[in-house]
C-alpha atoms as a PDB file:
ATOM      1  CA  MET A   1      -9.627 -39.839 -43.702  1.00  0.00           C
ATOM      2  CA  TYR A   2     -12.536 -39.295 -41.419  1.00  0.00           C
ATOM      3  CA  VAL A   3     -10.511 -40.326 -38.727  1.00  0.00           C
ATOM      4  CA  LEU A   4      -7.959 -36.976 -39.772  1.00  0.00           C
ATOM      5  CA  SER A   5     -10.221 -34.587 -40.362  1.00  0.00           C
ATOM      6  CA  LEU A   6     -11.982 -35.696 -36.882  1.00  0.00           C
ATOM      7  CA  GLY A   7      -7.912 -34.655 -35.507  1.00  0.00           C
ATOM      8  CA  LEU A   8      -7.904 -31.345 -37.693  1.00  0.00           C
ATOM      9  CA  MET A   9     -11.291 -30.356 -35.698  1.00  0.00           C
ATOM     10  CA  ALA A  10     -10.309 -31.457 -33.106  1.00  0.00           C
ATOM     11  CA  LEU A  11      -6.913 -29.337 -33.165  1.00  0.00           C
ATOM     12  CA  GLY A  12      -8.826 -26.762 -34.313  1.00  0.00           C
ATOM     13  CA  VAL A  13     -11.368 -26.542 -31.360  1.00  0.00           C
ATOM     14  CA  LEU A  14      -7.977 -26.288 -28.982  1.00  0.00           C
ATOM     15  CA  MET A  15      -6.477 -24.148 -30.640  1.00  0.00           C
ATOM     16  CA  LEU A  16      -9.877 -21.551 -30.472  1.00  0.00           C
ATOM     17  CA  VAL A  17      -9.778 -22.579 -26.319  1.00  0.00           C
ATOM     18  CA  SER A  18      -5.998 -21.886 -26.388  1.00  0.00           C
ATOM     19  CA  GLY A  19      -6.677 -18.081 -28.256  1.00  0.00           C
ATOM     20  CA  VAL A  20      -9.207 -17.113 -26.202  1.00  0.00           C
ATOM     21  CA  MET A  21      -7.432 -18.260 -22.393  1.00  0.00           C
ATOM     22  CA  GLN A  22      -4.404 -16.086 -23.359  1.00  0.00           C
ATOM     23  CA  LEU A  23      -6.587 -13.107 -24.209  1.00  0.00           C
ATOM     24  CA  ARG A  24      -9.084 -13.667 -21.097  1.00  0.00           C
ATOM     25  CA  GLY A  25      -5.837 -14.201 -19.513  1.00  0.00           C
ATOM     26  CA  LYS A  26      -3.988 -10.723 -20.830  1.00  0.00           C
ATOM     27  CA  ASN A  27      -7.219  -8.853 -19.890  1.00  0.00           C
ATOM     28  CA  GLN A  28      -7.690 -10.299 -16.495  1.00  0.00           C
ATOM     29  CA  ALA A  29      -3.928  -8.781 -15.651  1.00  0.00           C
ATOM     30  CA  ALA A  30      -4.264  -5.706 -17.706  1.00  0.00           C
ATOM     31  CA  LEU A  31      -7.289  -4.936 -15.120  1.00  0.00           C
ATOM     32  CA  VAL A  32      -5.276  -5.954 -12.283  1.00  0.00           C
ATOM     33  CA  GLU A  33      -2.670  -3.512 -13.553  1.00  0.00           C
ATOM     34  CA  ILE A  34      -5.163  -0.439 -13.585  1.00  0.00           C
ATOM     35  CA  MET A  35      -6.854  -1.113 -10.822  1.00  0.00           C
ATOM     36  CA  ASN A  36      -3.419  -1.236  -8.562  1.00  0.00           C
ATOM     37  CA  THR A  37      -1.800   1.854 -10.430  1.00  0.00           C
ATOM     38  CA  ILE A  38      -5.150   4.098  -9.402  1.00  0.00           C
ATOM     39  CA  LEU A  39      -4.395   2.578  -6.189  1.00  0.00           C
ATOM     40  CA  THR A  40      -1.073   3.318  -5.993  1.00  0.00           C
ATOM     41  CA  ASN A  41      -1.098   6.752  -6.843  1.00  0.00           C
ATOM     42  CA  ALA A  42      -4.320   7.858  -4.155  1.00  0.00           C
ATOM     43  CA  LEU A  43      -2.011   6.211  -1.208  1.00  0.00           C
ATOM     44  CA  PRO A  44       0.749   7.284   0.955  1.00  0.00           C
ATOM     45  CA  HIS A  45       3.977   5.515   0.107  1.00  0.00           C
ATOM     46  CA  ASP A  46       5.316   5.104   3.417  1.00  0.00           C
ATOM     47  CA  LYS A  47       2.432   2.792   4.296  1.00  0.00           C
ATOM     48  CA  MET A  48       1.852   1.059   0.904  1.00  0.00           C
ATOM     49  CA  GLY A  49       2.221  -2.550   1.283  1.00  0.00           C
ATOM     50  CA  ILE A  50      -0.091  -2.405   4.744  1.00  0.00           C
ATOM     51  CA  TYR A  51      -2.674  -0.320   1.615  1.00  0.00           C
ATOM     52  CA  MET A  52      -2.137  -3.386  -0.805  1.00  0.00           C
ATOM     53  CA  GLY A  53      -2.195  -6.144   1.615  1.00  0.00           C
ATOM     54  CA  ILE A  54      -5.596  -4.753   2.707  1.00  0.00           C
ATOM     55  CA  PHE A  55      -7.101  -4.271  -0.918  1.00  0.00           C
ATOM     56  CA  ASN A  56      -6.505  -7.618  -1.790  1.00  0.00           C
ATOM     57  CA  TYR A  57      -8.582  -9.263   1.153  1.00  0.00           C
ATOM     58  CA  PHE A  58     -11.241  -6.641  -1.215  1.00  0.00           C
ATOM     59  CA  ILE A  59     -11.024  -8.526  -3.790  1.00  0.00           C
ATOM     60  CA  VAL A  60      -9.889 -12.090  -2.383  1.00  0.00           C
ATOM     61  CA  ILE A  61     -12.532 -12.000   0.455  1.00  0.00           C
ATOM     62  CA  PRO A  62     -15.541 -11.525  -2.307  1.00  0.00           C
ATOM     63  CA  GLN A  63     -14.824 -14.260  -4.158  1.00  0.00           C
ATOM     64  CA  ILE A  64     -14.650 -17.443  -0.833  1.00  0.00           C
ATOM     65  CA  VAL A  65     -18.060 -15.465  -0.182  1.00  0.00           C
ATOM     66  CA  ALA A  66     -19.421 -16.051  -3.733  1.00  0.00           C
ATOM     67  CA  ALA A  67     -18.155 -19.231  -3.505  1.00  0.00           C
ATOM     68  CA  ALA A  68     -19.702 -20.165  -0.643  1.00  0.00           C
ATOM     69  CA  ILE A  69     -23.199 -18.941  -0.782  1.00  0.00           C
ATOM     70  CA  LEU A  70     -24.182 -17.964  -4.547  1.00  0.00           C
ATOM     71  CA  GLY A  71     -25.029 -21.631  -5.577  1.00  0.00           C
ATOM     72  CA  PHE A  72     -27.754 -21.599  -2.015  1.00  0.00           C
ATOM     73  CA  PHE A  73     -28.883 -17.711  -3.224  1.00  0.00           C
ATOM     74  CA  LEU A  74     -29.396 -19.078  -6.027  1.00  0.00           C
ATOM     75  CA  GLN A  75     -31.416 -21.731  -5.011  1.00  0.00           C
ATOM     76  CA  LYS A  76     -33.442 -20.450  -2.619  1.00  0.00           C
ATOM     77  CA  PHE A  77     -34.270 -16.412  -3.849  1.00  0.00           C
ATOM     78  CA  PHE A  78     -33.829 -17.095  -7.790  1.00  0.00           C
ATOM     79  CA  HIS A  79     -35.026 -21.041  -7.886  1.00  0.00           C
ATOM     80  CA  SER A  80     -31.979 -21.888  -9.269  1.00  0.00           C
ATOM     81  CA  GLU A  81     -32.074 -19.462 -12.580  1.00  0.00           C
ATOM     82  CA  ALA A  82     -28.010 -18.371 -13.083  1.00  0.00           C
ATOM     83  CA  ILE A  83     -28.732 -15.502 -15.140  1.00  0.00           C
ATOM     84  CA  TYR A  84     -29.425 -13.613 -11.832  1.00  0.00           C
ATOM     85  CA  ALA A  85     -26.129 -13.840 -10.811  1.00  0.00           C
ATOM     86  CA  LEU A  86     -24.489 -12.742 -13.717  1.00  0.00           C
ATOM     87  CA  ILE A  87     -27.486  -9.229 -13.086  1.00  0.00           C
ATOM     88  CA  ILE A  88     -26.043  -9.276  -9.260  1.00  0.00           C
ATOM     89  CA  GLY A  89     -22.532  -8.989 -10.685  1.00  0.00           C
ATOM     90  CA  GLY A  90     -23.050  -6.841 -13.729  1.00  0.00           C
ATOM     91  CA  ILE A  91     -24.804  -4.251 -10.817  1.00  0.00           C
ATOM     92  CA  SER A  92     -21.957  -4.258  -8.838  1.00  0.00           C
ATOM     93  CA  MET A  93     -19.346  -3.432 -11.513  1.00  0.00           C
ATOM     94  CA  PHE A  94     -21.700  -0.648 -12.365  1.00  0.00           C
ATOM     95  CA  LEU A  95     -21.319   0.201  -8.510  1.00  0.00           C
ATOM     96  CA  ALA A  96     -17.744  -0.442  -8.226  1.00  0.00           C
ATOM     97  CA  SER A  97     -17.025   1.715 -11.713  1.00  0.00           C
ATOM     98  CA  VAL A  98     -19.220   4.640 -10.510  1.00  0.00           C
ATOM     99  CA  LEU A  99     -17.454   4.925  -6.750  1.00  0.00           C
ATOM    100  CA  THR A 100     -13.909   4.919  -8.733  1.00  0.00           C
ATOM    101  CA  LEU A 101     -14.940   8.578 -10.203  1.00  0.00           C
ATOM    102  CA  PHE A 102     -14.742   8.945  -6.684  1.00  0.00           C
ATOM    103  CA  VAL A 103     -11.135   8.000  -5.513  1.00  0.00           C
ATOM    104  CA  LYS A 104      -8.581  11.484  -5.290  1.00  0.00           C
ATOM    105  CA  ASP A 105      -5.455  11.388  -7.667  1.00  0.00           C
ATOM    106  CA  LYS A 106      -2.394  13.369  -5.904  1.00  0.00           C
ATOM    107  CA  ASN A 107      -0.826  14.212  -9.563  1.00  0.00           C
END
């Protein structure tokens, strides 16, 4: 009976993790779609592919740079306190949200 209860508990944890991952994926897809919609409404249609490619650079390059050097900066300047990386990320997100107010929409 003990083994059965442990198995059911593990199954419940797996289902919870799976549900959280599904919600995270749906949120990420919605976020990307909103950013692409804002961008496509503000761009000329004949240069759309070029601008979308450049836009993708601005998503991928910061992720690569953060993965490459964030650990070093945390160790060197913040004494390995990961909370400061979250604070920097939050400030960056706030700044990005303020900057979206300046995007001009043609419609």
